[in-house]
Amino acid sequence: MAEKTGLRHIGIIMDGNGRWAERQGLIRTKGHLEGLKAAKRIVKAAADRGIAYLTLYVFSTENWKRTVSEVNFIMGLVKQYLKAELDFYRENHIRIRHTGDMEGLPPDIVKDLREAMADTGDFEGLQVVLALNYGGRDEIGRALTRLVKAGGEKLAAEKFGAEDLRPFLDNPDIPDPDLIIRTGGEWRISNFLLWEAAYSEFYVSSKLWPDWTPEDLDEAIENFQGRQRRFGGVKA
């Protein structure tokens, strides 16, 4: 159904939860709660528009630097999300997947994440990839470790190319993102899908993530459809 939009994979850097709360005179954790509601709206909108893959930047490898209370609250929201929204995913035939270092997550989160992935594993609708304890550099490092364990030291001694590493990424079967959206008006990639985003189109929205609606997603898609993608070449 990707022909509806002309793209298959969207990645979203969901930025602005804390600033949204501060502007409302609320504590930062309230912003994360509203951001969770926005995520559900956009997941449903992406499914309705025939997007095949949606990668959401939930928690980065650098986010552990935040206060213990904020980190604990975010982890609690993730756990709540995985449990409470499972029926929503079932009803919409949405498959849950993960990218990131699962070994660095709390055991209870890992358990719930694995159960959600197994429960939705056969669904053929939108695939939602939760980038949780994720960092682009970390993914590349872990991929290199897997390659070496698979005998990559012999390959590296001869010639090492991009096509050799790709099978060892977290989700090598998922196509590279056509479009990466960042909310909150910041112009940086923040260690998100560094390998996969080599030729992604970028769209930056000044709106903070908790304020995002399906109409905002439509605007981003329409903007993308007006681009000419050359992948380093030249169109005749």
C-alpha atoms as a PDB file:
ATOM      1  CA  MET A   1       0.000   0.000   0.000  1.00  0.00           C
ATOM      2  CA  ALA A   2       3.043   2.250  -0.067  1.00  0.00           C
ATOM      3  CA  GLU A   3       1.874   3.562  -3.443  1.00  0.00           C
ATOM      4  CA  LYS A   4      -0.549   5.802  -1.537  1.00  0.00           C
ATOM      5  CA  THR A   5       2.325   7.977  -0.350  1.00  0.00           C
ATOM      6  CA  GLY A   6       5.262   7.048  -2.559  1.00  0.00           C
ATOM      7  CA  LEU A   7       7.349   6.004   0.444  1.00  0.00           C
ATOM      8  CA  ARG A   8       7.731   2.865   2.514  1.00  0.00           C
ATOM      9  CA  HIS A   9       9.704   3.795   5.632  1.00  0.00           C
ATOM     10  CA  ILE A  10       9.484   6.876   7.853  1.00  0.00           C
ATOM     11  CA  GLY A  11      11.714   7.515  10.858  1.00  0.00           C
ATOM     12  CA  ILE A  12      10.680  10.070  13.473  1.00  0.00           C
ATOM     13  CA  ILE A  13      12.850  11.846  16.024  1.00  0.00           C
ATOM     14  CA  MET A  14      10.109  12.706  18.521  1.00  0.00           C
ATOM     15  CA  ASP A  15      11.572  15.862  20.023  1.00  0.00           C
ATOM     16  CA  GLY A  16      10.056  18.492  22.290  1.00  0.00           C
ATOM     17  CA  ASN A  17       8.270  16.651  25.092  1.00  0.00           C
ATOM     18  CA  GLY A  18      10.162  18.454  27.845  1.00  0.00           C
ATOM     19  CA  ARG A  19       9.855  21.876  26.227  1.00  0.00           C
ATOM     20  CA  TRP A  20       6.132  21.312  25.685  1.00  0.00           C
ATOM     21  CA  ALA A  21       5.674  20.663  29.400  1.00  0.00           C
ATOM     22  CA  GLU A  22       7.757  23.671  30.406  1.00  0.00           C
ATOM     23  CA  ARG A  23       5.718  25.964  28.162  1.00  0.00           C
ATOM     24  CA  GLN A  24       2.574  24.665  29.840  1.00  0.00           C
ATOM     25  CA  GLY A  25       4.042  25.255  33.281  1.00  0.00           C
ATOM     26  CA  LEU A  26       4.153  21.505  33.914  1.00  0.00           C
ATOM     27  CA  ILE A  27       6.859  19.086  34.987  1.00  0.00           C
ATOM     28  CA  ARG A  28       8.826  17.424  32.178  1.00  0.00           C
ATOM     29  CA  THR A  29       7.302  14.008  32.792  1.00  0.00           C
ATOM     30  CA  LYS A  30       3.885  15.372  31.806  1.00  0.00           C
ATOM     31  CA  GLY A  31       5.362  16.156  28.401  1.00  0.00           C
ATOM     32  CA  HIS A  32       6.485  12.545  27.968  1.00  0.00           C
ATOM     33  CA  LEU A  33       2.970  11.386  28.813  1.00  0.00           C
ATOM     34  CA  GLU A  34       1.489  13.656  26.135  1.00  0.00           C
ATOM     35  CA  GLY A  35       4.202  12.519  23.743  1.00  0.00           C
ATOM     36  CA  LEU A  36       3.013   8.950  24.223  1.00  0.00           C
ATOM     37  CA  LYS A  37      -0.480   9.993  23.146  1.00  0.00           C
ATOM     38  CA  ALA A  38       0.963  11.693  20.070  1.00  0.00           C
ATOM     39  CA  ALA A  39       2.860   8.524  19.181  1.00  0.00           C
ATOM     40  CA  LYS A  40      -0.373   6.531  19.153  1.00  0.00           C
ATOM     41  CA  ARG A  41      -2.051   9.124  16.904  1.00  0.00           C
ATOM     42  CA  ILE A  42       0.802   9.053  14.413  1.00  0.00           C
ATOM     43  CA  VAL A  43       1.109   5.257  14.428  1.00  0.00           C
ATOM     44  CA  LYS A  44      -2.585   4.969  13.518  1.00  0.00           C
ATOM     45  CA  ALA A  45      -2.232   7.679  10.868  1.00  0.00           C
ATOM     46  CA  ALA A  46       0.799   5.959   9.325  1.00  0.00           C
ATOM     47  CA  ALA A  47      -1.084   2.658   9.203  1.00  0.00           C
ATOM     48  CA  ASP A  48      -4.077   4.328   7.551  1.00  0.00           C
ATOM     49  CA  ARG A  49      -1.820   5.906   4.915  1.00  0.00           C
ATOM     50  CA  GLY A  50      -0.200   2.678   3.867  1.00  0.00           C
ATOM     51  CA  ILE A  51       3.236   3.242   5.375  1.00  0.00           C
ATOM     52  CA  ALA A  52       5.033  -0.089   5.673  1.00  0.00           C
ATOM     53  CA  TYR A  53       7.604   0.813   8.360  1.00  0.00           C
ATOM     54  CA  LEU A  54       7.666   3.490  11.041  1.00  0.00           C
ATOM     55  CA  THR A  55      10.727   3.832  13.272  1.00  0.00           C
ATOM     56  CA  LEU A  56      10.169   5.890  16.420  1.00  0.00           C
ATOM     57  CA  TYR A  57      13.162   7.238  18.355  1.00  0.00           C
ATOM     58  CA  VAL A  58      11.931   6.417  21.852  1.00  0.00           C
ATOM     59  CA  PHE A  59      15.079   6.446  23.993  1.00  0.00           C
ATOM     60  CA  SER A  60      18.673   6.915  22.890  1.00  0.00           C
ATOM     61  CA  THR A  61      21.890   5.517  24.317  1.00  0.00           C
ATOM     62  CA  GLU A  62      22.636   9.094  25.411  1.00  0.00           C
ATOM     63  CA  ASN A  63      19.319   9.591  27.219  1.00  0.00           C
ATOM     64  CA  TRP A  64      20.655   7.694  30.239  1.00  0.00           C
ATOM     65  CA  LYS A  65      22.447  10.966  31.089  1.00  0.00           C
ATOM     66  CA  ARG A  66      19.121  12.508  32.145  1.00  0.00           C
ATOM     67  CA  THR A  67      17.984  12.560  35.769  1.00  0.00           C
ATOM     68  CA  VAL A  68      17.192   9.212  37.376  1.00  0.00           C
ATOM     69  CA  SER A  69      13.590  10.278  37.984  1.00  0.00           C
ATOM     70  CA  GLU A  70      13.033  11.214  34.328  1.00  0.00           C
ATOM     71  CA  VAL A  71      14.659   8.023  33.041  1.00  0.00           C
ATOM     72  CA  ASN A  72      12.572   5.904  35.414  1.00  0.00           C
ATOM     73  CA  PHE A  73       9.417   7.704  34.323  1.00  0.00           C
ATOM     74  CA  ILE A  74      10.177   7.139  30.624  1.00  0.00           C
ATOM     75  CA  MET A  75      10.884   3.451  31.245  1.00  0.00           C
ATOM     76  CA  GLY A  76       7.615   3.207  33.137  1.00  0.00           C
ATOM     77  CA  LEU A  77       5.800   4.762  30.179  1.00  0.00           C
ATOM     78  CA  VAL A  78       7.422   2.288  27.802  1.00  0.00           C
ATOM     79  CA  LYS A  79       6.273  -0.586  29.981  1.00  0.00           C
ATOM     80  CA  GLN A  80       2.776   0.877  30.192  1.00  0.00           C
ATOM     81  CA  TYR A  81       2.714   1.421  26.417  1.00  0.00           C
ATOM     82  CA  LEU A  82       3.741  -2.147  25.629  1.00  0.00           C
ATOM     83  CA  LYS A  83       1.016  -3.531  27.897  1.00  0.00           C
ATOM     84  CA  ALA A  84      -1.863  -1.098  27.462  1.00  0.00           C
ATOM     85  CA  GLU A  85      -1.635  -0.644  23.700  1.00  0.00           C
ATOM     86  CA  LEU A  86      -1.308  -4.295  22.740  1.00  0.00           C
ATOM     87  CA  ASP A  87      -4.998  -4.537  21.857  1.00  0.00           C
ATOM     88  CA  PHE A  88      -4.611  -1.448  19.652  1.00  0.00           C
ATOM     89  CA  TYR A  89      -1.799  -3.169  17.765  1.00  0.00           C
ATOM     90  CA  ARG A  90      -3.815  -6.362  17.427  1.00  0.00           C
ATOM     91  CA  GLU A  91      -6.897  -4.537  16.138  1.00  0.00           C
ATOM     92  CA  ASN A  92      -4.843  -2.726  13.498  1.00  0.00           C
ATOM     93  CA  HIS A  93      -2.625  -5.727  12.649  1.00  0.00           C
ATOM     94  CA  ILE A  94       0.488  -3.723  13.510  1.00  0.00           C
ATOM     95  CA  ARG A  95       3.743  -5.537  14.165  1.00  0.00           C
ATOM     96  CA  ILE A  96       6.056  -4.320  16.929  1.00  0.00           C
ATOM     97  CA  ARG A  97       9.809  -4.544  16.378  1.00  0.00           C
ATOM     98  CA  HIS A  98      12.884  -3.210  18.149  1.00  0.00           C
ATOM     99  CA  THR A  99      16.200  -1.644  17.278  1.00  0.00           C
ATOM    100  CA  GLY A 100      18.894  -0.901  19.829  1.00  0.00           C
ATOM    101  CA  ASP A 101      20.883  -2.659  22.519  1.00  0.00           C
ATOM    102  CA  MET A 102      18.309  -4.776  24.317  1.00  0.00           C
ATOM    103  CA  GLU A 103      20.905  -6.027  26.791  1.00  0.00           C
ATOM    104  CA  GLY A 104      21.169  -2.521  28.265  1.00  0.00           C
ATOM    105  CA  LEU A 105      17.470  -2.307  29.129  1.00  0.00           C
ATOM    106  CA  PRO A 106      15.847  -3.228  32.468  1.00  0.00           C
ATOM    107  CA  PRO A 107      14.864  -6.946  32.547  1.00  0.00           C
ATOM    108  CA  ASP A 108      11.150  -6.233  32.943  1.00  0.00           C
ATOM    109  CA  ILE A 109      11.178  -3.986  29.862  1.00  0.00           C
ATOM    110  CA  VAL A 110      13.019  -6.661  27.872  1.00  0.00           C
ATOM    111  CA  LYS A 111      10.433  -9.237  28.926  1.00  0.00           C
ATOM    112  CA  ASP A 112       7.466  -7.066  27.912  1.00  0.00           C
ATOM    113  CA  LEU A 113       9.159  -6.036  24.671  1.00  0.00           C
ATOM    114  CA  ARG A 114       9.887  -9.618  23.666  1.00  0.00           C
ATOM    115  CA  GLU A 115       6.327 -10.651  24.486  1.00  0.00           C
ATOM    116  CA  ALA A 116       4.859  -7.800  22.431  1.00  0.00           C
ATOM    117  CA  MET A 117       7.122  -8.643  19.494  1.00  0.00           C
ATOM    118  CA  ALA A 118       6.159 -12.311  19.662  1.00  0.00           C
ATOM    119  CA  ASP A 119       2.448 -11.526  20.028  1.00  0.00           C
ATOM    120  CA  THR A 120       2.410  -9.289  16.929  1.00  0.00           C
ATOM    121  CA  GLY A 121       5.091 -11.090  14.934  1.00  0.00           C
ATOM    122  CA  ASP A 122       2.736 -12.539  12.333  1.00  0.00           C
ATOM    123  CA  PHE A 123       0.862  -9.298  11.566  1.00  0.00           C
ATOM    124  CA  GLU A 124       1.244  -8.013   8.012  1.00  0.00           C
ATOM    125  CA  GLY A 125       0.265  -4.381   8.509  1.00  0.00           C
ATOM    126  CA  LEU A 126       2.447  -1.458   9.526  1.00  0.00           C
ATOM    127  CA  GLN A 127       5.677  -2.446  11.266  1.00  0.00           C
ATOM    128  CA  VAL A 128       6.496  -0.117  14.145  1.00  0.00           C
ATOM    129  CA  VAL A 129      10.176  -0.211  15.079  1.00  0.00           C
ATOM    130  CA  LEU A 130      10.822   1.081  18.597  1.00  0.00           C
ATOM    131  CA  ALA A 131      14.325   2.577  18.775  1.00  0.00           C
ATOM    132  CA  LEU A 132      14.857   1.914  22.457  1.00  0.00           C
ATOM    133  CA  ASN A 133      18.310   2.233  24.027  1.00  0.00           C
ATOM    134  CA  TYR A 134      19.361   3.014  20.476  1.00  0.00           C
ATOM    135  CA  GLY A 135      22.301   4.904  19.041  1.00  0.00           C
ATOM    136  CA  GLY A 136      23.450   4.872  15.436  1.00  0.00           C
ATOM    137  CA  ARG A 137      27.122   4.555  16.349  1.00  0.00           C
ATOM    138  CA  ASP A 138      26.281   1.841  18.853  1.00  0.00           C
ATOM    139  CA  GLU A 139      24.370  -0.120  16.207  1.00  0.00           C
ATOM    140  CA  ILE A 140      27.305   0.076  13.794  1.00  0.00           C
ATOM    141  CA  GLY A 141      29.674  -1.051  16.551  1.00  0.00           C
ATOM    142  CA  ARG A 142      27.460  -4.005  17.458  1.00  0.00           C
ATOM    143  CA  ALA A 143      27.116  -4.911  13.777  1.00  0.00           C
ATOM    144  CA  LEU A 144      30.903  -4.950  13.395  1.00  0.00           C
ATOM    145  CA  THR A 145      31.168  -7.214  16.424  1.00  0.00           C
ATOM    146  CA  ARG A 146      28.687  -9.646  14.859  1.00  0.00           C
ATOM    147  CA  LEU A 147      30.542  -9.556  11.548  1.00  0.00           C
ATOM    148  CA  VAL A 148      33.864 -10.360  13.206  1.00  0.00           C
ATOM    149  CA  LYS A 149      32.302 -13.213  15.183  1.00  0.00           C
ATOM    150  CA  ALA A 150      30.967 -14.564  11.894  1.00  0.00           C
ATOM    151  CA  GLY A 151      34.460 -14.632  10.435  1.00  0.00           C
ATOM    152  CA  GLY A 152      34.688 -11.063   9.272  1.00  0.00           C
ATOM    153  CA  GLU A 153      38.377 -10.780  10.102  1.00  0.00           C
ATOM    154  CA  LYS A 154      39.137 -12.737   6.895  1.00  0.00           C
ATOM    155  CA  LEU A 155      36.846 -10.482   4.890  1.00  0.00           C
ATOM    156  CA  ALA A 156      38.388  -7.340   6.347  1.00  0.00           C
ATOM    157  CA  ALA A 157      41.859  -8.552   5.406  1.00  0.00           C
ATOM    158  CA  GLU A 158      40.797  -8.615   1.761  1.00  0.00           C
ATOM    159  CA  LYS A 159      38.252  -5.875   1.203  1.00  0.00           C
ATOM    160  CA  PHE A 160      35.507  -4.496   3.405  1.00  0.00           C
ATOM    161  CA  GLY A 161      32.417  -2.875   1.864  1.00  0.00           C
ATOM    162  CA  ALA A 162      29.065  -1.539   2.988  1.00  0.00           C
ATOM    163  CA  GLU A 163      27.267  -4.580   1.623  1.00  0.00           C
ATOM    164  CA  ASP A 164      29.277  -6.764   4.012  1.00  0.00           C
ATOM    165  CA  LEU A 165      28.070  -4.968   7.129  1.00  0.00           C
ATOM    166  CA  ARG A 166      24.390  -4.553   6.317  1.00  0.00           C
ATOM    167  CA  PRO A 167      23.373  -8.173   7.142  1.00  0.00           C
ATOM    168  CA  PHE A 168      24.610  -7.600  10.693  1.00  0.00           C
ATOM    169  CA  LEU A 169      22.581  -4.458  11.434  1.00  0.00           C
ATOM    170  CA  ASP A 170      19.695  -4.732  13.898  1.00  0.00           C
ATOM    171  CA  ASN A 171      17.028  -5.107  11.190  1.00  0.00           C
ATOM    172  CA  PRO A 172      18.736  -5.792   7.846  1.00  0.00           C
ATOM    173  CA  ASP A 173      15.449  -6.737   6.178  1.00  0.00           C
ATOM    174  CA  ILE A 174      13.929  -3.280   6.702  1.00  0.00           C
ATOM    175  CA  PRO A 175      14.534  -0.820   3.848  1.00  0.00           C
ATOM    176  CA  ASP A 176      16.382   2.405   4.597  1.00  0.00           C
ATOM    177  CA  PRO A 177      14.075   5.252   5.635  1.00  0.00           C
ATOM    178  CA  ASP A 178      12.803   7.325   2.740  1.00  0.00           C
ATOM    179  CA  LEU A 179      11.955  10.181   5.081  1.00  0.00           C
ATOM    180  CA  ILE A 180      13.206  11.200   8.504  1.00  0.00           C
ATOM    181  CA  ILE A 181      11.059  13.653  10.433  1.00  0.00           C
ATOM    182  CA  ARG A 182      12.298  15.685  13.375  1.00  0.00           C
ATOM    183  CA  THR A 183       9.855  17.654  15.486  1.00  0.00           C
ATOM    184  CA  GLY A 184      10.669  20.528  17.818  1.00  0.00           C
ATOM    185  CA  GLY A 185      12.572  22.657  15.308  1.00  0.00           C
ATOM    186  CA  GLU A 186      16.063  21.270  15.959  1.00  0.00           C
ATOM    187  CA  TRP A 187      18.335  20.630  12.980  1.00  0.00           C
ATOM    188  CA  ARG A 188      20.417  17.623  13.939  1.00  0.00           C
ATOM    189  CA  ILE A 189      20.236  13.858  13.502  1.00  0.00           C
ATOM    190  CA  SER A 190      21.073  13.014  17.152  1.00  0.00           C
ATOM    191  CA  ASN A 191      22.708   9.667  16.401  1.00  0.00           C
ATOM    192  CA  PHE A 192      19.554   8.296  14.750  1.00  0.00           C
ATOM    193  CA  LEU A 193      19.863   5.628  12.029  1.00  0.00           C
ATOM    194  CA  LEU A 194      23.279   6.897  10.949  1.00  0.00           C
ATOM    195  CA  TRP A 195      23.944   3.989   8.597  1.00  0.00           C
ATOM    196  CA  GLU A 196      20.430   3.733   7.205  1.00  0.00           C
ATOM    197  CA  ALA A 197      19.870   7.474   6.675  1.00  0.00           C
ATOM    198  CA  ALA A 198      22.618   7.895   4.068  1.00  0.00           C
ATOM    199  CA  TYR A 199      20.111   9.019   1.404  1.00  0.00           C
ATOM    200  CA  SER A 200      17.022   9.754   3.456  1.00  0.00           C
ATOM    201  CA  GLU A 201      15.100  12.962   2.901  1.00  0.00           C
ATOM    202  CA  PHE A 202      14.766  15.155   6.008  1.00  0.00           C
ATOM    203  CA  TYR A 203      11.798  17.155   7.232  1.00  0.00           C
ATOM    204  CA  VAL A 204      12.018  19.414  10.282  1.00  0.00           C
ATOM    205  CA  SER A 205       8.849  20.638  11.982  1.00  0.00           C
ATOM    206  CA  SER A 206       8.800  23.518  14.446  1.00  0.00           C
ATOM    207  CA  LYS A 207       5.871  21.911  16.282  1.00  0.00           C
ATOM    208  CA  LEU A 208       6.711  20.074  19.472  1.00  0.00           C
ATOM    209  CA  TRP A 209       5.989  16.353  19.421  1.00  0.00           C
ATOM    210  CA  PRO A 210       3.001  16.324  21.835  1.00  0.00           C
ATOM    211  CA  ASP A 211       1.181  18.721  19.472  1.00  0.00           C
ATOM    212  CA  TRP A 212       1.608  16.539  16.415  1.00  0.00           C
ATOM    213  CA  THR A 213      -1.511  15.353  14.567  1.00  0.00           C
ATOM    214  CA  PRO A 214      -2.214  13.198  11.493  1.00  0.00           C
ATOM    215  CA  GLU A 215      -2.458  16.437   9.502  1.00  0.00           C
ATOM    216  CA  ASP A 216       1.168  17.204  10.375  1.00  0.00           C
ATOM    217  CA  LEU A 217       2.153  13.791   9.062  1.00  0.00           C
ATOM    218  CA  ASP A 218       0.264  14.547   5.847  1.00  0.00           C
ATOM    219  CA  GLU A 219       2.193  17.800   5.446  1.00  0.00           C
ATOM    220  CA  ALA A 220       5.500  15.983   5.859  1.00  0.00           C
ATOM    221  CA  ILE A 221       4.485  13.346   3.322  1.00  0.00           C
ATOM    222  CA  GLU A 222       3.319  15.990   0.848  1.00  0.00           C
ATOM    223  CA  ASN A 223       6.629  17.815   1.255  1.00  0.00           C
ATOM    224  CA  PHE A 224       8.481  14.555   0.605  1.00  0.00           C
ATOM    225  CA  GLN A 225       6.443  13.889  -2.533  1.00  0.00           C
ATOM    226  CA  GLY A 226       7.675  17.199  -3.934  1.00  0.00           C
ATOM    227  CA  ARG A 227      11.328  16.184  -3.637  1.00  0.00           C
ATOM    228  CA  GLN A 228      13.461  14.760  -6.436  1.00  0.00           C
ATOM    229  CA  ARG A 229      15.567  11.923  -5.086  1.00  0.00           C
ATOM    230  CA  ARG A 230      18.801  11.355  -7.009  1.00  0.00           C
ATOM    231  CA  PHE A 231      20.792   9.120  -4.626  1.00  0.00           C
ATOM    232  CA  GLY A 232      24.019  10.810  -5.697  1.00  0.00           C
ATOM    233  CA  GLY A 233      23.245  10.656  -9.407  1.00  0.00           C
ATOM    234  CA  VAL A 234      21.760  13.106 -11.866  1.00  0.00           C
ATOM    235  CA  LYS A 235      18.233  12.912 -13.255  1.00  0.00           C
ATOM    236  CA  ALA A 236      17.927  13.297 -16.997  1.00  0.00           C
END
